[in-house]
Amino acid sequence: MQTGKVRFVFRHFAFIGRESVLAAEASECANEQGRFWDYYDKIFAEQAGENVGAFALENLIRFAQEIGLDSQAFRRCMQNETYHAKVLQETQEGQQAGVRGTPTLFVNGEYVEGGADYQILRAAVLKALGE
C-alpha cells in the first residue's frame, strides 16, 4: 500500500575496497535497466569474501547477463565508470554520518540501533509517524 508517508532511500557504503566500489557501481548500472534489486540480490548471493575476485569486472558483467540485463549497455556503463563519483560521494557521506558497516538504517536522520531487524525498524518508523 502506498500512502506517501514513508520514503525509502538506499545509499551505498562501499568501504571494503575496490570490489565493493565496483559492486556498488554495477548495481547502479543495473538500475538504469530497472533491475537494481534483482542485481543487489545477485551480488549478495555471489559473495565469496572480501576483495578476492568475486566482484571483478568480468564477474559483475556475467551476473548482469545471468539475470537478463542488456550486457552491452551494462558493460559500457561499467567501463565509463558512470556511477563511480556517486558511489564515492555516498560512502563519504556515510562516513561523515558515523556509519561503520552495513546495513545501517536511519529514520528521519536518526540512527536506528538494530534497524536491520524488521520489528525494530517498524517501531522506529511508526514512532516517527506518530503512530
C-alpha atoms as a PDB file:
ATOM      1  CA  MET A   1       0.000   0.000   0.000  1.00  0.00           C
ATOM      2  CA  GLN A   2       1.333   3.414  -0.943  1.00  0.00           C
ATOM      3  CA  THR A   3       0.323   6.177   1.449  1.00  0.00           C
ATOM      4  CA  GLY A   4       3.117   8.650   0.722  1.00  0.00           C
ATOM      5  CA  LYS A   5       4.009   8.731   4.423  1.00  0.00           C
ATOM      6  CA  VAL A   6       7.347   6.922   4.159  1.00  0.00           C
ATOM      7  CA  ARG A   7      10.161   7.199   1.642  1.00  0.00           C
ATOM      8  CA  PHE A   8      12.916   4.585   1.482  1.00  0.00           C
ATOM      9  CA  VAL A   9      16.328   5.845   0.341  1.00  0.00           C
ATOM     10  CA  PHE A  10      19.184   3.455  -0.392  1.00  0.00           C
ATOM     11  CA  ARG A  11      22.741   4.768  -0.193  1.00  0.00           C
ATOM     12  CA  HIS A  12      25.925   2.936  -0.971  1.00  0.00           C
ATOM     13  CA  PHE A  13      28.606   2.407   1.644  1.00  0.00           C
ATOM     14  CA  ALA A  14      31.439   0.835  -0.306  1.00  0.00           C
ATOM     15  CA  PHE A  15      34.011   0.625   2.474  1.00  0.00           C
ATOM     16  CA  ILE A  16      35.615  -2.775   1.919  1.00  0.00           C
ATOM     17  CA  GLY A  17      37.820  -1.853  -1.024  1.00  0.00           C
ATOM     18  CA  ARG A  18      37.858  -1.724  -4.803  1.00  0.00           C
ATOM     19  CA  GLU A  19      35.491  -4.652  -5.301  1.00  0.00           C
ATOM     20  CA  SER A  20      32.833  -3.136  -3.062  1.00  0.00           C
ATOM     21  CA  VAL A  21      33.041   0.068  -5.117  1.00  0.00           C
ATOM     22  CA  LEU A  22      32.715  -1.919  -8.351  1.00  0.00           C
ATOM     23  CA  ALA A  23      29.747  -3.882  -6.995  1.00  0.00           C
ATOM     24  CA  ALA A  24      28.006  -0.660  -5.944  1.00  0.00           C
ATOM     25  CA  GLU A  25      28.643   0.872  -9.374  1.00  0.00           C
ATOM     26  CA  ALA A  26      27.300  -2.290 -11.011  1.00  0.00           C
ATOM     27  CA  SER A  27      24.072  -2.116  -9.037  1.00  0.00           C
ATOM     28  CA  GLU A  28      23.576   1.429 -10.319  1.00  0.00           C
ATOM     29  CA  CYS A  29      24.220   0.268 -13.873  1.00  0.00           C
ATOM     30  CA  ALA A  30      21.572  -2.416 -13.323  1.00  0.00           C
ATOM     31  CA  ASN A  31      19.269   0.291 -12.008  1.00  0.00           C
ATOM     32  CA  GLU A  32      19.490   2.009 -15.415  1.00  0.00           C
ATOM     33  CA  GLN A  33      17.639  -1.061 -16.684  1.00  0.00           C
ATOM     34  CA  GLY A  34      15.146  -1.078 -13.803  1.00  0.00           C
ATOM     35  CA  ARG A  35      16.758  -4.079 -12.102  1.00  0.00           C
ATOM     36  CA  PHE A  36      18.563  -2.646  -9.071  1.00  0.00           C
ATOM     37  CA  TRP A  37      17.056  -5.030  -6.519  1.00  0.00           C
ATOM     38  CA  ASP A  38      17.487  -8.100  -8.741  1.00  0.00           C
ATOM     39  CA  TYR A  39      21.148  -7.235  -9.166  1.00  0.00           C
ATOM     40  CA  TYR A  40      21.515  -6.411  -5.467  1.00  0.00           C
ATOM     41  CA  ASP A  41      20.173  -9.883  -4.625  1.00  0.00           C
ATOM     42  CA  LYS A  42      22.561 -11.469  -7.142  1.00  0.00           C
ATOM     43  CA  ILE A  43      25.570  -9.684  -5.650  1.00  0.00           C
ATOM     44  CA  PHE A  44      24.741 -10.897  -2.166  1.00  0.00           C
ATOM     45  CA  ALA A  45      24.179 -14.441  -3.418  1.00  0.00           C
ATOM     46  CA  GLU A  46      27.618 -14.400  -5.085  1.00  0.00           C
ATOM     47  CA  GLN A  47      29.692 -13.119  -2.144  1.00  0.00           C
ATOM     48  CA  ALA A  48      32.875 -15.102  -1.683  1.00  0.00           C
ATOM     49  CA  GLY A  49      34.989 -13.000   0.660  1.00  0.00           C
ATOM     50  CA  GLU A  50      36.453  -9.541   0.632  1.00  0.00           C
ATOM     51  CA  ASN A  51      38.490  -8.469  -2.401  1.00  0.00           C
ATOM     52  CA  VAL A  52      39.212 -12.000  -3.603  1.00  0.00           C
ATOM     53  CA  GLY A  53      37.966 -11.505  -7.177  1.00  0.00           C
ATOM     54  CA  ALA A  54      34.297 -12.370  -6.722  1.00  0.00           C
ATOM     55  CA  PHE A  55      33.330  -8.861  -7.817  1.00  0.00           C
ATOM     56  CA  ALA A  56      35.907  -8.387 -10.557  1.00  0.00           C
ATOM     57  CA  LEU A  57      34.536  -6.552 -13.596  1.00  0.00           C
ATOM     58  CA  GLU A  58      34.074  -9.667 -15.725  1.00  0.00           C
ATOM     59  CA  ASN A  59      32.140 -11.399 -12.942  1.00  0.00           C
ATOM     60  CA  LEU A  60      29.899  -8.377 -12.469  1.00  0.00           C
ATOM     61  CA  ILE A  61      29.186  -8.383 -16.205  1.00  0.00           C
ATOM     62  CA  ARG A  62      28.440 -12.117 -16.067  1.00  0.00           C
ATOM     63  CA  PHE A  63      25.997 -11.533 -13.203  1.00  0.00           C
ATOM     64  CA  ALA A  64      24.219  -8.952 -15.367  1.00  0.00           C
ATOM     65  CA  GLN A  65      23.921 -11.496 -18.183  1.00  0.00           C
ATOM     66  CA  GLU A  66      22.677 -14.161 -15.786  1.00  0.00           C
ATOM     67  CA  ILE A  67      19.783 -12.002 -14.620  1.00  0.00           C
ATOM     68  CA  GLY A  68      18.915 -10.973 -18.172  1.00  0.00           C
ATOM     69  CA  LEU A  69      20.257  -7.429 -18.426  1.00  0.00           C
ATOM     70  CA  ASP A  70      21.402  -5.861 -21.686  1.00  0.00           C
ATOM     71  CA  SER A  71      25.040  -6.823 -21.231  1.00  0.00           C
ATOM     72  CA  GLN A  72      26.395  -4.358 -23.807  1.00  0.00           C
ATOM     73  CA  ALA A  73      24.724  -1.379 -22.112  1.00  0.00           C
ATOM     74  CA  PHE A  74      25.808  -2.704 -18.722  1.00  0.00           C
ATOM     75  CA  ARG A  75      29.425  -3.143 -19.890  1.00  0.00           C
ATOM     76  CA  ARG A  76      29.507   0.412 -21.294  1.00  0.00           C
ATOM     77  CA  CYS A  77      28.122   1.785 -18.034  1.00  0.00           C
ATOM     78  CA  MET A  78      30.810  -0.022 -16.050  1.00  0.00           C
ATOM     79  CA  GLN A  79      33.673   0.839 -18.406  1.00  0.00           C
ATOM     80  CA  ASN A  80      32.660   4.519 -18.388  1.00  0.00           C
ATOM     81  CA  GLU A  81      32.587   4.463 -14.561  1.00  0.00           C
ATOM     82  CA  THR A  82      29.242   6.236 -14.848  1.00  0.00           C
ATOM     83  CA  TYR A  83      28.440   5.942 -11.139  1.00  0.00           C
ATOM     84  CA  HIS A  84      31.925   5.976  -9.637  1.00  0.00           C
ATOM     85  CA  ALA A  85      31.670   9.519  -8.257  1.00  0.00           C
ATOM     86  CA  LYS A  86      28.188   8.848  -6.862  1.00  0.00           C
ATOM     87  CA  VAL A  87      29.340   5.728  -5.001  1.00  0.00           C
ATOM     88  CA  LEU A  88      32.374   7.513  -3.548  1.00  0.00           C
ATOM     89  CA  GLN A  89      30.262  10.503  -2.506  1.00  0.00           C
ATOM     90  CA  GLU A  90      27.645   8.325  -0.777  1.00  0.00           C
ATOM     91  CA  THR A  91      30.386   6.388   1.010  1.00  0.00           C
ATOM     92  CA  GLN A  92      31.966   9.624   2.219  1.00  0.00           C
ATOM     93  CA  GLU A  93      28.574  10.912   3.405  1.00  0.00           C
ATOM     94  CA  GLY A  94      28.078   7.645   5.301  1.00  0.00           C
ATOM     95  CA  GLN A  95      31.449   8.032   6.986  1.00  0.00           C
ATOM     96  CA  GLN A  96      30.559  11.585   7.986  1.00  0.00           C
ATOM     97  CA  ALA A  97      27.252  10.322   9.429  1.00  0.00           C
ATOM     98  CA  GLY A  98      29.115   7.764  11.537  1.00  0.00           C
ATOM     99  CA  VAL A  99      28.252   4.662   9.533  1.00  0.00           C
ATOM    100  CA  ARG A 100      30.696   1.858  10.306  1.00  0.00           C
ATOM    101  CA  GLY A 101      29.137  -1.081   8.472  1.00  0.00           C
ATOM    102  CA  THR A 102      26.178  -2.372   6.540  1.00  0.00           C
ATOM    103  CA  PRO A 103      23.322  -2.456   6.807  1.00  0.00           C
ATOM    104  CA  THR A 104      22.905   0.762   8.759  1.00  0.00           C
ATOM    105  CA  LEU A 105      19.482   2.332   8.918  1.00  0.00           C
ATOM    106  CA  PHE A 106      18.319   5.820   9.796  1.00  0.00           C
ATOM    107  CA  VAL A 107      14.793   7.133  10.278  1.00  0.00           C
ATOM    108  CA  ASN A 108      14.469  10.890   9.840  1.00  0.00           C
ATOM    109  CA  GLY A 109      18.240  11.178  10.150  1.00  0.00           C
ATOM    110  CA  GLU A 110      18.380   9.252  13.434  1.00  0.00           C
ATOM    111  CA  TYR A 111      20.420   6.048  13.637  1.00  0.00           C
ATOM    112  CA  VAL A 112      18.271   3.014  14.451  1.00  0.00           C
ATOM    113  CA  GLU A 113      20.196   0.548  16.625  1.00  0.00           C
ATOM    114  CA  GLY A 114      19.430  -2.945  15.303  1.00  0.00           C
ATOM    115  CA  GLY A 115      17.480  -1.423  12.420  1.00  0.00           C
ATOM    116  CA  ALA A 116      18.088  -4.417  10.161  1.00  0.00           C
ATOM    117  CA  ASP A 117      15.554  -6.268  12.325  1.00  0.00           C
ATOM    118  CA  TYR A 118      12.126  -5.636  10.791  1.00  0.00           C
ATOM    119  CA  GLN A 119      10.325  -5.208  14.123  1.00  0.00           C
ATOM    120  CA  ILE A 120      12.854  -2.651  15.360  1.00  0.00           C
ATOM    121  CA  LEU A 121      12.735  -0.717  12.098  1.00  0.00           C
ATOM    122  CA  ARG A 122       8.929  -0.873  12.049  1.00  0.00           C
ATOM    123  CA  ALA A 123       8.750   0.531  15.565  1.00  0.00           C
ATOM    124  CA  ALA A 124      11.097   3.395  14.636  1.00  0.00           C
ATOM    125  CA  VAL A 125       9.040   4.242  11.553  1.00  0.00           C
ATOM    126  CA  LEU A 126       5.760   4.134  13.464  1.00  0.00           C
ATOM    127  CA  LYS A 127       7.248   6.350  16.170  1.00  0.00           C
ATOM    128  CA  ALA A 128       8.409   8.845  13.537  1.00  0.00           C
ATOM    129  CA  LEU A 129       4.893   8.826  12.055  1.00  0.00           C
ATOM    130  CA  GLY A 130       3.421   9.444  15.488  1.00  0.00           C
ATOM    131  CA  GLU A 131       1.543   6.152  15.426  1.00  0.00           C
END
